[in-house]
Amino acid sequence: MEIRDIEGNVLYRGGDISQGTDAGALKLTSPNFQGARLRRANLRGAEMRFGDLENADLSEADLAGAKFEGGSLDDCHLDRANLHGVDFYAVYAYGASLRGADLRQAKFFGTIFDNADFSDADLRGARFAPDNTMHKTSVCGANLTSANLKDATFEAVEYDAHTRFPPGFKPEQHGFLRGER
């Protein structure tokens, strides 16, 4: 299996990661998947450290249980992706699209999801908190209006005047801190 970017350059050459294949053993350090088309890819349980997935298309991909440490998911498309139980640690995901994504039990530690779109995302049981060096998680400008936030926990999560929440949701009562980015 080869993963190519939008210009046809080989980004990864190895085992098949197409739908139905378990890529749980896939451990990548500093992969450059910028602009890669990974729609419906099976990356269940994969681990990516300091990866560049800027503007990659992971729509409808299966990333359940995956771990992302460091790196960029800026403008990444994760619409309707299975992100159940994913760990995001010190990840920058400015402008990421997570519309309709399954983010149940996901962990967001020291992550920046500013201007991200969580429309219709399922965030039940997700946890948003600072990382172990106390870098805050931020959702400044993010769209959470139709996200399911039932049983999600928020600890010192930064938001701003442009962050949109579900009707009646009072961010300060749920662990959010008003800031300006």
C-alpha atoms as a PDB file:
ATOM      1  CA  MET A   1       0.000   0.000   0.000  1.00  0.00           C
ATOM      2  CA  GLU A   2       1.232   3.483  -0.827  1.00  0.00           C
ATOM      3  CA  ILE A   3      -0.116   6.731   0.525  1.00  0.00           C
ATOM      4  CA  ARG A   4       0.347   9.663  -1.822  1.00  0.00           C
ATOM      5  CA  ASP A   5      -0.199  13.376  -1.442  1.00  0.00           C
ATOM      6  CA  ILE A   6      -2.294  15.426  -3.851  1.00  0.00           C
ATOM      7  CA  GLU A   7       0.713  15.794  -6.174  1.00  0.00           C
ATOM      8  CA  GLY A   8       1.309  12.041  -6.342  1.00  0.00           C
ATOM      9  CA  ASN A   9       4.392  11.949  -4.104  1.00  0.00           C
ATOM     10  CA  VAL A  10       4.740   8.769  -2.028  1.00  0.00           C
ATOM     11  CA  LEU A  11       4.275   9.584   1.660  1.00  0.00           C
ATOM     12  CA  TYR A  12       4.104   6.040   3.037  1.00  0.00           C
ATOM     13  CA  ARG A  13       4.861   2.660   1.542  1.00  0.00           C
ATOM     14  CA  GLY A  14       3.925  -0.406   3.525  1.00  0.00           C
ATOM     15  CA  GLY A  15       0.999  -2.591   4.552  1.00  0.00           C
ATOM     16  CA  ASP A  16      -2.520  -2.133   3.274  1.00  0.00           C
ATOM     17  CA  ILE A  17      -4.502   0.411   5.315  1.00  0.00           C
ATOM     18  CA  SER A  18      -7.660   0.263   3.251  1.00  0.00           C
ATOM     19  CA  GLN A  19     -11.048  -0.285   4.796  1.00  0.00           C
ATOM     20  CA  GLY A  20     -11.238  -3.543   6.724  1.00  0.00           C
ATOM     21  CA  THR A  21      -7.504  -3.884   7.447  1.00  0.00           C
ATOM     22  CA  ASP A  22      -6.201  -3.450  10.992  1.00  0.00           C
ATOM     23  CA  ALA A  23      -3.319  -0.960  11.130  1.00  0.00           C
ATOM     24  CA  GLY A  24      -2.991  -1.162  14.901  1.00  0.00           C
ATOM     25  CA  ALA A  25       0.729  -1.843  14.660  1.00  0.00           C
ATOM     26  CA  LEU A  26       1.300   1.260  12.519  1.00  0.00           C
ATOM     27  CA  LYS A  27       3.612   3.582  14.489  1.00  0.00           C
ATOM     28  CA  LEU A  28       4.872   6.627  12.637  1.00  0.00           C
ATOM     29  CA  THR A  29       7.211   9.388  13.793  1.00  0.00           C
ATOM     30  CA  SER A  30       7.191  12.665  11.867  1.00  0.00           C
ATOM     31  CA  PRO A  31       5.128  11.399   8.913  1.00  0.00           C
ATOM     32  CA  ASN A  32       4.307  13.988   6.281  1.00  0.00           C
ATOM     33  CA  PHE A  33       0.767  13.261   5.139  1.00  0.00           C
ATOM     34  CA  GLN A  34       0.105  16.882   4.184  1.00  0.00           C
ATOM     35  CA  GLY A  35      -2.743  16.918   1.663  1.00  0.00           C
ATOM     36  CA  ALA A  36      -2.981  13.105   1.618  1.00  0.00           C
ATOM     37  CA  ARG A  37      -6.236  11.463   0.537  1.00  0.00           C
ATOM     38  CA  LEU A  38      -6.943   8.881   3.239  1.00  0.00           C
ATOM     39  CA  ARG A  39     -10.724   8.842   2.970  1.00  0.00           C
ATOM     40  CA  ARG A  40     -12.174   5.676   4.587  1.00  0.00           C
ATOM     41  CA  ALA A  41      -8.667   4.467   5.542  1.00  0.00           C
ATOM     42  CA  ASN A  42      -8.402   2.050   8.443  1.00  0.00           C
ATOM     43  CA  LEU A  43      -5.893   3.507  10.894  1.00  0.00           C
ATOM     44  CA  ARG A  44      -7.506   1.968  13.975  1.00  0.00           C
ATOM     45  CA  GLY A  45      -5.082   2.103  16.887  1.00  0.00           C
ATOM     46  CA  ALA A  46      -2.347   3.811  14.868  1.00  0.00           C
ATOM     47  CA  GLU A  47       0.181   6.032  16.647  1.00  0.00           C
ATOM     48  CA  MET A  48       1.489   9.211  15.038  1.00  0.00           C
ATOM     49  CA  ARG A  49       4.081  11.408  16.719  1.00  0.00           C
ATOM     50  CA  PHE A  50       4.803  14.877  15.351  1.00  0.00           C
ATOM     51  CA  GLY A  51       2.989  14.164  12.107  1.00  0.00           C
ATOM     52  CA  ASP A  52       1.922  16.687   9.511  1.00  0.00           C
ATOM     53  CA  LEU A  53      -1.609  15.926   8.369  1.00  0.00           C
ATOM     54  CA  GLU A  54      -2.380  19.483   7.342  1.00  0.00           C
ATOM     55  CA  ASN A  55      -5.215  19.565   4.810  1.00  0.00           C
ATOM     56  CA  ALA A  56      -5.357  15.749   4.689  1.00  0.00           C
ATOM     57  CA  ASP A  57      -8.699  14.095   3.928  1.00  0.00           C
ATOM     58  CA  LEU A  58      -9.478  11.469   6.570  1.00  0.00           C
ATOM     59  CA  SER A  59     -13.233  11.693   6.095  1.00  0.00           C
ATOM     60  CA  GLU A  60     -15.016   8.501   7.168  1.00  0.00           C
ATOM     61  CA  ALA A  61     -11.667   6.973   8.233  1.00  0.00           C
ATOM     62  CA  ASP A  62     -11.537   4.525  11.130  1.00  0.00           C
ATOM     63  CA  LEU A  63      -9.100   5.962  13.683  1.00  0.00           C
ATOM     64  CA  ALA A  64     -10.666   4.453  16.802  1.00  0.00           C
ATOM     65  CA  GLY A  65      -8.116   4.217  19.603  1.00  0.00           C
ATOM     66  CA  ALA A  66      -5.446   6.089  17.629  1.00  0.00           C
ATOM     67  CA  LYS A  67      -2.917   8.333  19.350  1.00  0.00           C
ATOM     68  CA  PHE A  68      -1.750  11.676  17.992  1.00  0.00           C
ATOM     69  CA  GLU A  69       1.138  13.332  19.824  1.00  0.00           C
ATOM     70  CA  GLY A  70       2.330  16.715  18.621  1.00  0.00           C
ATOM     71  CA  GLY A  71       2.065  17.691  15.016  1.00  0.00           C
ATOM     72  CA  SER A  72      -0.500  19.414  12.855  1.00  0.00           C
ATOM     73  CA  LEU A  73      -4.022  18.542  11.850  1.00  0.00           C
ATOM     74  CA  ASP A  74      -4.614  22.094  10.608  1.00  0.00           C
ATOM     75  CA  ASP A  75      -7.479  22.178   8.079  1.00  0.00           C
ATOM     76  CA  CYS A  76      -7.666  18.365   8.226  1.00  0.00           C
ATOM     77  CA  HIS A  77     -10.967  16.806   7.119  1.00  0.00           C
ATOM     78  CA  LEU A  78     -12.209  14.257   9.658  1.00  0.00           C
ATOM     79  CA  ASP A  79     -15.890  14.432   8.771  1.00  0.00           C
ATOM     80  CA  ARG A  80     -17.855  11.347   9.891  1.00  0.00           C
ATOM     81  CA  ALA A  81     -14.583   9.683  10.999  1.00  0.00           C
ATOM     82  CA  ASN A  82     -14.557   7.101  13.781  1.00  0.00           C
ATOM     83  CA  LEU A  83     -12.378   8.773  16.435  1.00  0.00           C
ATOM     84  CA  HIS A  84     -13.819   6.845  19.377  1.00  0.00           C
ATOM     85  CA  GLY A  85     -11.260   6.804  22.192  1.00  0.00           C
ATOM     86  CA  VAL A  86      -8.613   8.772  20.286  1.00  0.00           C
ATOM     87  CA  ASP A  87      -5.901  10.596  22.245  1.00  0.00           C
ATOM     88  CA  PHE A  88      -4.932  14.058  20.996  1.00  0.00           C
ATOM     89  CA  TYR A  89      -1.884  15.293  22.914  1.00  0.00           C
ATOM     90  CA  ALA A  90      -0.310  18.696  22.098  1.00  0.00           C
ATOM     91  CA  VAL A  91      -1.883  18.677  18.631  1.00  0.00           C
ATOM     92  CA  TYR A  92      -2.611  21.773  16.541  1.00  0.00           C
ATOM     93  CA  ALA A  93      -5.834  21.373  14.587  1.00  0.00           C
ATOM     94  CA  TYR A  94      -6.688  24.937  13.542  1.00  0.00           C
ATOM     95  CA  GLY A  95      -9.704  24.923  11.227  1.00  0.00           C
ATOM     96  CA  ALA A  96     -10.115  21.131  11.312  1.00  0.00           C
ATOM     97  CA  SER A  97     -13.473  19.770  10.176  1.00  0.00           C
ATOM     98  CA  LEU A  98     -14.918  17.078  12.458  1.00  0.00           C
ATOM     99  CA  ARG A  99     -18.533  17.282  11.301  1.00  0.00           C
ATOM    100  CA  GLY A 100     -20.470  14.205  12.353  1.00  0.00           C
ATOM    101  CA  ALA A 101     -17.337  12.554  13.785  1.00  0.00           C
ATOM    102  CA  ASP A 102     -17.581   9.933  16.529  1.00  0.00           C
ATOM    103  CA  LEU A 103     -15.380  11.407  19.284  1.00  0.00           C
ATOM    104  CA  ARG A 104     -16.861   9.456  22.191  1.00  0.00           C
ATOM    105  CA  GLN A 105     -14.320   8.995  25.000  1.00  0.00           C
ATOM    106  CA  ALA A 106     -11.692  11.024  23.055  1.00  0.00           C
ATOM    107  CA  LYS A 107      -9.032  12.857  25.056  1.00  0.00           C
ATOM    108  CA  PHE A 108      -7.868  16.359  24.158  1.00  0.00           C
ATOM    109  CA  PHE A 109      -4.803  17.318  26.231  1.00  0.00           C
ATOM    110  CA  GLY A 110      -3.045  20.615  25.467  1.00  0.00           C
ATOM    111  CA  THR A 111      -4.600  20.741  22.002  1.00  0.00           C
ATOM    112  CA  ILE A 112      -5.544  23.707  19.834  1.00  0.00           C
ATOM    113  CA  PHE A 113      -8.807  23.152  17.959  1.00  0.00           C
ATOM    114  CA  ASP A 114      -9.374  26.842  17.212  1.00  0.00           C
ATOM    115  CA  ASN A 115     -11.919  27.479  14.423  1.00  0.00           C
ATOM    116  CA  ALA A 116     -12.623  23.737  14.227  1.00  0.00           C
ATOM    117  CA  ASP A 117     -16.073  22.569  13.150  1.00  0.00           C
ATOM    118  CA  PHE A 118     -17.597  20.005  15.535  1.00  0.00           C
ATOM    119  CA  SER A 119     -21.084  20.227  13.968  1.00  0.00           C
ATOM    120  CA  ASP A 120     -23.074  17.068  14.789  1.00  0.00           C
ATOM    121  CA  ALA A 121     -19.973  15.470  16.374  1.00  0.00           C
ATOM    122  CA  ASP A 122     -20.559  12.976  19.178  1.00  0.00           C
ATOM    123  CA  LEU A 123     -18.357  14.064  22.105  1.00  0.00           C
ATOM    124  CA  ARG A 124     -20.079  12.007  24.793  1.00  0.00           C
ATOM    125  CA  GLY A 125     -17.594  11.196  27.541  1.00  0.00           C
ATOM    126  CA  ALA A 126     -14.770  13.144  25.879  1.00  0.00           C
ATOM    127  CA  ARG A 127     -12.224  14.867  28.098  1.00  0.00           C
ATOM    128  CA  PHE A 128     -10.662  18.271  27.369  1.00  0.00           C
ATOM    129  CA  ALA A 129      -7.836  19.327  29.707  1.00  0.00           C
ATOM    130  CA  PRO A 130      -4.340  20.856  29.876  1.00  0.00           C
ATOM    131  CA  ASP A 131      -1.387  18.620  29.030  1.00  0.00           C
ATOM    132  CA  ASN A 132       1.180  17.603  31.659  1.00  0.00           C
ATOM    133  CA  THR A 133       3.064  20.896  31.151  1.00  0.00           C
ATOM    134  CA  MET A 134      -0.190  22.819  31.767  1.00  0.00           C
ATOM    135  CA  HIS A 135      -0.666  23.988  28.165  1.00  0.00           C
ATOM    136  CA  LYS A 136      -4.390  24.617  27.859  1.00  0.00           C
ATOM    137  CA  THR A 137      -6.713  23.085  25.336  1.00  0.00           C
ATOM    138  CA  SER A 138      -8.342  25.755  23.187  1.00  0.00           C
ATOM    139  CA  VAL A 139     -11.524  25.837  21.122  1.00  0.00           C
ATOM    140  CA  CYS A 140     -11.494  29.557  20.305  1.00  0.00           C
ATOM    141  CA  GLY A 141     -13.794  30.213  17.351  1.00  0.00           C
ATOM    142  CA  ALA A 142     -14.886  26.557  17.185  1.00  0.00           C
ATOM    143  CA  ASN A 143     -18.420  25.528  16.231  1.00  0.00           C
ATOM    144  CA  LEU A 144     -19.908  23.225  18.883  1.00  0.00           C
ATOM    145  CA  THR A 145     -23.551  24.267  18.340  1.00  0.00           C
ATOM    146  CA  SER A 146     -24.901  20.844  17.382  1.00  0.00           C
ATOM    147  CA  ALA A 147     -22.268  18.656  19.077  1.00  0.00           C
ATOM    148  CA  ASN A 148     -23.387  16.112  21.661  1.00  0.00           C
ATOM    149  CA  LEU A 149     -21.510  17.163  24.832  1.00  0.00           C
ATOM    150  CA  LYS A 150     -23.295  14.775  27.239  1.00  0.00           C
ATOM    151  CA  ASP A 151     -20.920  13.570  29.962  1.00  0.00           C
ATOM    152  CA  ALA A 152     -17.954  15.386  28.350  1.00  0.00           C
ATOM    153  CA  THR A 153     -15.584  17.020  30.847  1.00  0.00           C
ATOM    154  CA  PHE A 154     -13.796  20.311  30.375  1.00  0.00           C
ATOM    155  CA  GLU A 155     -10.916  21.494  32.544  1.00  0.00           C
ATOM    156  CA  ALA A 156      -9.544  25.000  31.932  1.00  0.00           C
ATOM    157  CA  VAL A 157     -10.513  24.917  28.240  1.00  0.00           C
ATOM    158  CA  GLU A 158     -10.062  28.265  26.532  1.00  0.00           C
ATOM    159  CA  TYR A 159     -12.828  29.743  24.377  1.00  0.00           C
ATOM    160  CA  ASP A 160     -13.526  33.198  22.984  1.00  0.00           C
ATOM    161  CA  ALA A 161     -16.389  35.390  21.788  1.00  0.00           C
ATOM    162  CA  HIS A 162     -16.418  33.531  18.452  1.00  0.00           C
ATOM    163  CA  THR A 163     -16.836  30.032  19.945  1.00  0.00           C
ATOM    164  CA  ARG A 164     -20.362  28.727  19.321  1.00  0.00           C
ATOM    165  CA  PHE A 165     -21.979  26.429  21.878  1.00  0.00           C
ATOM    166  CA  PRO A 166     -25.250  24.463  21.940  1.00  0.00           C
ATOM    167  CA  PRO A 167     -28.288  26.546  22.923  1.00  0.00           C
ATOM    168  CA  GLY A 168     -28.442  27.115  26.677  1.00  0.00           C
ATOM    169  CA  PHE A 169     -24.899  25.818  27.275  1.00  0.00           C
ATOM    170  CA  LYS A 170     -23.042  28.001  29.795  1.00  0.00           C
ATOM    171  CA  PRO A 171     -19.316  27.422  29.224  1.00  0.00           C
ATOM    172  CA  GLU A 172     -18.115  28.828  32.569  1.00  0.00           C
ATOM    173  CA  GLN A 173     -20.312  26.293  34.379  1.00  0.00           C
ATOM    174  CA  HIS A 174     -18.542  23.463  32.555  1.00  0.00           C
ATOM    175  CA  GLY A 175     -14.835  24.309  33.027  1.00  0.00           C
ATOM    176  CA  PHE A 176     -14.275  26.751  30.171  1.00  0.00           C
ATOM    177  CA  LEU A 177     -12.187  29.912  30.585  1.00  0.00           C
ATOM    178  CA  ARG A 178     -12.823  33.002  28.503  1.00  0.00           C
ATOM    179  CA  GLY A 179      -9.728  34.091  26.605  1.00  0.00           C
ATOM    180  CA  GLU A 180      -8.782  35.877  23.421  1.00  0.00           C
ATOM    181  CA  ARG A 181      -6.499  34.301  20.824  1.00  0.00           C
END
